[in-house]
Amino acid sequence: MTDPSTPIQVAVCEDNDALRDILVSVLPRFGLRVFGVGSSEALDRLLQERPVDIVVLDIGLPGEDGLSAAARLRRERPHLGIVMLTARALLDDRIRGMQQGADLYFVKPVDMAELAAALTSLHRRLAQAKPPLRQPWKLLRGRGVLEAPDGTAIDLTENERLILACLLADPGTSVDREELIRALHWEGSEKVYMRLASAVSRLRAKVAGAAPEHAFPLRTLHGTGYAFRSDEDPQP
């Protein structure tokens, strides 16, 4: 069992509601912290909002299937653990799953104790193999540039600079949407929240394109605000 003070963060992407509920309710008994979603689109939103160590993917998902999602996640988040959990038991399916980026491949039905042990072992291997970052994300305020952990310089618009200045003033602490809107000098209305969400989305896309090797730790806190919180930072 894992240390309950630092549980492994697991996202289960499974469109079968009954199976997803079982995984989300049973796996925590082995010391894992588990979040369930029903599609790759919902998974992307979850990964933007909180740090996740391992993703458990079904293949037959609505929209983007699990194999396509695995290949994309492997490109975008090279240090993320990816486990396929599917009814497809043929050898060709297993091989394809591994080729698309999966670290492990399980066929349904699966023993929960075995799956939990495999997730724990995978997390341990990934933690040992993960290279240390040269430096944290830095906002070079005088230049309006965000510097990625590998030194990549990302030019920011003035609005992007103001957003990051607020979030990086106290990294890990949540910042209310109203505080960000005041910093941006935007007029308050219902549409201003959508404008802020769009600005954050464009910023994420810009950073992902410029520094794809590093997960950008800008988290959305639904209904409240945002936080700049890395995978190593504790949850509030």
Protein backbone atom coordinates (compact mmCIF):
# COMPACT_ATOMS: atom_id res chain seq x y z
CA MET A 1 0.00 0.00 0.00
CA THR A 2 1.21 3.51 -0.77
CA ASP A 3 1.93 6.18 1.82
CA PRO A 4 -1.46 7.83 2.49
CA SER A 5 0.24 11.18 3.11
CA THR A 6 1.37 11.30 -0.53
CA PRO A 7 -1.12 9.19 -2.51
CA ILE A 8 -0.53 8.39 -6.15
CA GLN A 9 -2.90 10.46 -8.30
CA VAL A 10 -4.75 8.23 -10.80
CA ALA A 11 -7.23 9.29 -13.50
CA VAL A 12 -9.55 6.54 -14.75
CA CYS A 13 -10.94 7.26 -18.24
CA GLU A 14 -13.74 4.72 -18.74
CA ASP A 15 -17.12 5.31 -20.42
CA ASN A 16 -18.81 2.36 -18.69
CA ASP A 17 -20.35 4.08 -15.70
CA ALA A 18 -20.62 0.94 -13.57
CA LEU A 19 -17.00 -0.11 -14.10
CA ARG A 20 -15.73 3.43 -13.62
CA ASP A 21 -17.60 3.67 -10.31
CA ILE A 22 -16.07 0.39 -9.16
CA LEU A 23 -12.55 1.54 -10.01
CA VAL A 24 -13.04 4.92 -8.36
CA SER A 25 -14.46 3.37 -5.19
CA VAL A 26 -12.20 0.29 -4.83
CA LEU A 27 -8.72 1.50 -5.86
CA PRO A 28 -8.54 4.10 -3.03
CA ARG A 29 -8.62 1.18 -0.57
CA PHE A 30 -5.07 0.49 -1.73
CA GLY A 31 -3.87 4.02 -0.96
CA LEU A 32 -4.46 5.56 -4.38
CA ARG A 33 -6.30 8.82 -5.05
CA VAL A 34 -8.59 8.18 -8.01
CA PHE A 35 -10.62 10.47 -10.27
CA GLY A 36 -13.06 9.15 -12.86
CA VAL A 37 -14.01 10.60 -16.26
CA GLY A 38 -15.96 9.20 -19.20
CA SER A 39 -14.12 10.55 -22.26
CA SER A 40 -10.73 11.75 -23.44
CA GLU A 41 -12.15 15.29 -23.61
CA ALA A 42 -13.11 15.12 -19.95
CA LEU A 43 -9.69 13.65 -19.20
CA ASP A 44 -7.97 16.64 -20.81
CA ARG A 45 -9.97 18.99 -18.60
CA LEU A 46 -9.03 16.98 -15.52
CA LEU A 47 -5.33 17.04 -16.41
CA GLN A 48 -5.49 20.83 -16.74
CA GLU A 49 -7.06 21.16 -13.31
CA ARG A 50 -4.92 18.88 -11.16
CA PRO A 51 -1.66 16.93 -11.16
CA VAL A 52 -2.05 13.28 -12.19
CA ASP A 53 0.64 10.59 -12.04
CA ILE A 54 -1.03 7.79 -14.00
CA VAL A 55 -3.94 7.55 -16.45
CA VAL A 56 -5.94 4.32 -16.83
CA LEU A 57 -7.47 4.34 -20.33
CA ASP A 58 -10.19 2.28 -21.95
CA ILE A 59 -9.78 1.88 -25.72
CA GLY A 60 -13.42 2.12 -26.75
CA LEU A 61 -14.07 5.70 -25.65
CA PRO A 62 -16.57 8.09 -27.26
CA GLY A 63 -14.94 10.67 -29.51
CA GLU A 64 -11.16 10.21 -29.40
CA ASP A 65 -10.47 6.54 -28.65
CA GLY A 66 -8.03 5.34 -26.01
CA LEU A 67 -5.27 4.43 -28.45
CA SER A 68 -5.27 7.88 -30.03
CA ALA A 69 -5.44 9.50 -26.58
CA ALA A 70 -2.50 7.40 -25.37
CA ALA A 71 -0.33 8.43 -28.33
CA ARG A 72 -1.20 12.11 -27.84
CA LEU A 73 -0.64 12.04 -24.09
CA ARG A 74 2.71 10.32 -24.57
CA ARG A 75 3.79 13.22 -26.81
CA GLU A 76 2.37 15.95 -24.60
CA ARG A 77 3.22 14.48 -21.18
CA PRO A 78 6.19 12.14 -21.57
CA HIS A 79 6.45 11.44 -17.83
CA LEU A 80 2.80 10.48 -17.37
CA GLY A 81 2.10 6.82 -16.65
CA ILE A 82 -0.37 5.29 -19.13
CA VAL A 83 -2.19 2.01 -18.48
CA MET A 84 -4.63 0.48 -20.98
CA LEU A 85 -7.61 -1.34 -19.44
CA THR A 86 -9.75 -2.88 -22.15
CA ALA A 87 -11.75 -5.90 -23.24
CA ARG A 88 -9.50 -6.33 -26.29
CA ALA A 89 -7.37 -9.35 -25.48
CA LEU A 90 -5.73 -10.21 -28.83
CA LEU A 91 -1.95 -10.05 -29.06
CA ASP A 92 -2.15 -7.50 -31.89
CA ASP A 93 -4.24 -5.24 -29.66
CA ARG A 94 -1.71 -5.50 -26.85
CA ILE A 95 1.17 -4.72 -29.19
CA ARG A 96 -0.64 -1.74 -30.67
CA GLY A 97 -1.43 -0.41 -27.21
CA MET A 98 2.24 -0.54 -26.23
CA GLN A 99 3.28 1.05 -29.52
CA GLN A 100 0.88 3.93 -28.90
CA GLY A 101 2.58 4.72 -25.60
CA ALA A 102 1.03 2.51 -22.93
CA ASP A 103 3.31 1.41 -20.09
CA LEU A 104 1.02 -1.48 -19.09
CA TYR A 105 -1.88 -3.32 -20.72
CA PHE A 106 -4.65 -5.07 -18.73
CA VAL A 107 -7.60 -7.03 -20.07
CA LYS A 108 -11.01 -6.79 -18.41
CA PRO A 109 -12.07 -8.15 -16.02
CA VAL A 110 -9.10 -7.24 -13.83
CA ASP A 111 -8.27 -8.09 -10.24
CA MET A 112 -8.28 -4.82 -8.29
CA ALA A 113 -5.43 -5.80 -5.99
CA GLU A 114 -3.25 -6.73 -8.99
CA LEU A 115 -4.11 -3.49 -10.79
CA ALA A 116 -3.36 -1.41 -7.69
CA ALA A 117 -0.02 -3.17 -7.22
CA ALA A 118 0.87 -2.57 -10.87
CA LEU A 119 -0.02 1.12 -10.61
CA THR A 120 2.12 1.49 -7.50
CA SER A 121 5.05 -0.29 -9.15
CA LEU A 122 4.72 1.82 -12.30
CA HIS A 123 4.67 5.03 -10.27
CA ARG A 124 7.82 3.97 -8.44
CA ARG A 125 9.64 3.27 -11.71
CA LEU A 126 8.51 6.56 -13.25
CA ALA A 127 9.60 8.53 -10.19
CA GLN A 128 13.06 6.97 -10.35
CA ALA A 129 13.40 7.60 -14.09
CA LYS A 130 12.03 11.14 -14.14
CA PRO A 131 14.90 13.57 -14.79
CA PRO A 132 15.19 16.53 -12.42
CA LEU A 133 14.14 19.89 -13.82
CA ARG A 134 16.94 22.42 -14.30
CA GLN A 135 14.80 25.20 -12.88
CA PRO A 136 11.16 26.04 -12.18
CA TRP A 137 8.96 28.05 -14.49
CA LYS A 138 10.04 31.70 -14.36
CA LEU A 139 8.32 34.90 -15.36
CA LEU A 140 10.92 37.37 -16.60
CA ARG A 141 8.85 40.39 -15.71
CA GLY A 142 10.96 43.06 -17.37
CA ARG A 143 10.87 41.25 -20.70
CA GLY A 144 7.34 39.85 -20.72
CA VAL A 145 8.71 36.34 -21.18
CA LEU A 146 7.88 33.02 -19.53
CA GLU A 147 10.88 30.74 -19.18
CA ALA A 148 10.18 26.98 -19.21
CA PRO A 149 12.15 24.55 -17.01
CA ASP A 150 14.45 23.72 -19.95
CA GLY A 151 15.17 27.40 -20.59
CA THR A 152 12.77 27.85 -23.52
CA ALA A 153 11.66 31.50 -23.68
CA ILE A 154 7.98 32.07 -24.46
CA ASP A 155 6.91 35.59 -25.45
CA LEU A 156 3.77 36.75 -23.67
CA THR A 157 1.10 39.27 -24.48
CA GLU A 158 0.52 41.94 -21.85
CA ASN A 159 -2.64 40.17 -20.65
CA GLU A 160 -0.81 36.85 -20.37
CA ARG A 161 1.97 38.54 -18.42
CA LEU A 162 -0.52 40.07 -15.99
CA ILE A 163 -2.27 36.72 -15.46
CA LEU A 164 0.99 34.92 -14.74
CA ALA A 165 2.26 37.73 -12.53
CA CYS A 166 -0.76 37.21 -10.26
CA LEU A 167 -0.45 33.42 -10.24
CA LEU A 168 3.32 33.38 -9.67
CA ALA A 169 3.24 35.97 -6.90
CA ASP A 170 2.55 33.04 -4.55
CA PRO A 171 2.86 29.77 -6.53
CA GLY A 172 0.49 27.04 -5.41
CA THR A 173 -2.04 29.48 -3.94
CA SER A 174 -5.40 29.84 -5.66
CA VAL A 175 -6.22 33.23 -7.18
CA ASP A 176 -9.86 34.29 -7.54
CA ARG A 177 -11.15 35.15 -10.99
CA GLU A 178 -12.18 38.57 -9.68
CA GLU A 179 -8.58 39.33 -8.65
CA LEU A 180 -7.32 38.41 -12.11
CA ILE A 181 -10.01 40.52 -13.77
CA ARG A 182 -9.03 43.51 -11.64
CA ALA A 183 -5.37 43.03 -12.56
CA LEU A 184 -6.36 42.97 -16.23
CA HIS A 185 -8.42 46.17 -15.82
CA TRP A 186 -11.41 44.54 -17.50
CA GLU A 187 -14.96 45.73 -16.97
CA GLY A 188 -17.01 43.33 -14.88
CA SER A 189 -19.89 41.42 -16.49
CA GLU A 190 -20.96 37.82 -16.96
CA LYS A 191 -19.06 37.63 -20.24
CA VAL A 192 -15.80 38.71 -18.60
CA TYR A 193 -15.45 35.26 -17.03
CA MET A 194 -15.65 33.66 -20.48
CA ARG A 195 -13.09 36.17 -21.73
CA LEU A 196 -10.74 35.20 -18.89
CA ALA A 197 -11.22 31.48 -19.57
CA SER A 198 -10.44 32.05 -23.25
CA ALA A 199 -7.27 33.98 -22.39
CA VAL A 200 -6.11 31.17 -20.11
CA SER A 201 -6.90 28.56 -22.77
CA ARG A 202 -4.85 30.46 -25.38
CA LEU A 203 -1.98 30.78 -22.91
CA ARG A 204 -2.01 27.02 -22.26
CA ALA A 205 -2.00 26.30 -26.00
CA LYS A 206 0.89 28.70 -26.58
CA VAL A 207 3.00 27.14 -23.83
CA ALA A 208 2.16 23.57 -24.95
CA GLY A 209 3.33 24.42 -28.46
CA ALA A 210 6.55 26.08 -27.32
CA ALA A 211 7.54 23.66 -24.53
CA PRO A 212 5.76 20.33 -25.16
CA GLU A 213 8.17 18.38 -22.94
CA HIS A 214 6.91 20.11 -19.78
CA ALA A 215 3.42 19.96 -18.33
CA PHE A 216 2.27 23.55 -17.75
CA PRO A 217 0.99 23.64 -14.14
CA LEU A 218 -1.72 26.27 -14.59
CA ARG A 219 -4.72 24.68 -12.87
CA THR A 220 -8.35 25.68 -13.25
CA LEU A 221 -10.32 25.68 -10.01
CA HIS A 222 -13.89 25.49 -11.29
CA GLY A 223 -16.14 28.24 -10.09
CA THR A 224 -13.41 29.99 -8.11
CA GLY A 225 -10.25 30.80 -10.01
CA TYR A 226 -6.83 29.48 -10.97
CA ALA A 227 -3.57 28.32 -9.42
CA PHE A 228 -0.02 27.76 -10.63
CA ARG A 229 0.65 24.43 -8.96
CA SER A 230 3.22 21.85 -10.05
CA ASP A 231 2.83 18.10 -9.63
CA GLU A 232 5.07 18.24 -6.58
CA ASP A 233 3.00 20.86 -4.77
CA PRO A 234 0.54 19.62 -2.13
CA GLN A 235 -3.16 19.98 -2.77
CA PRO A 236 -5.02 22.57 -0.67
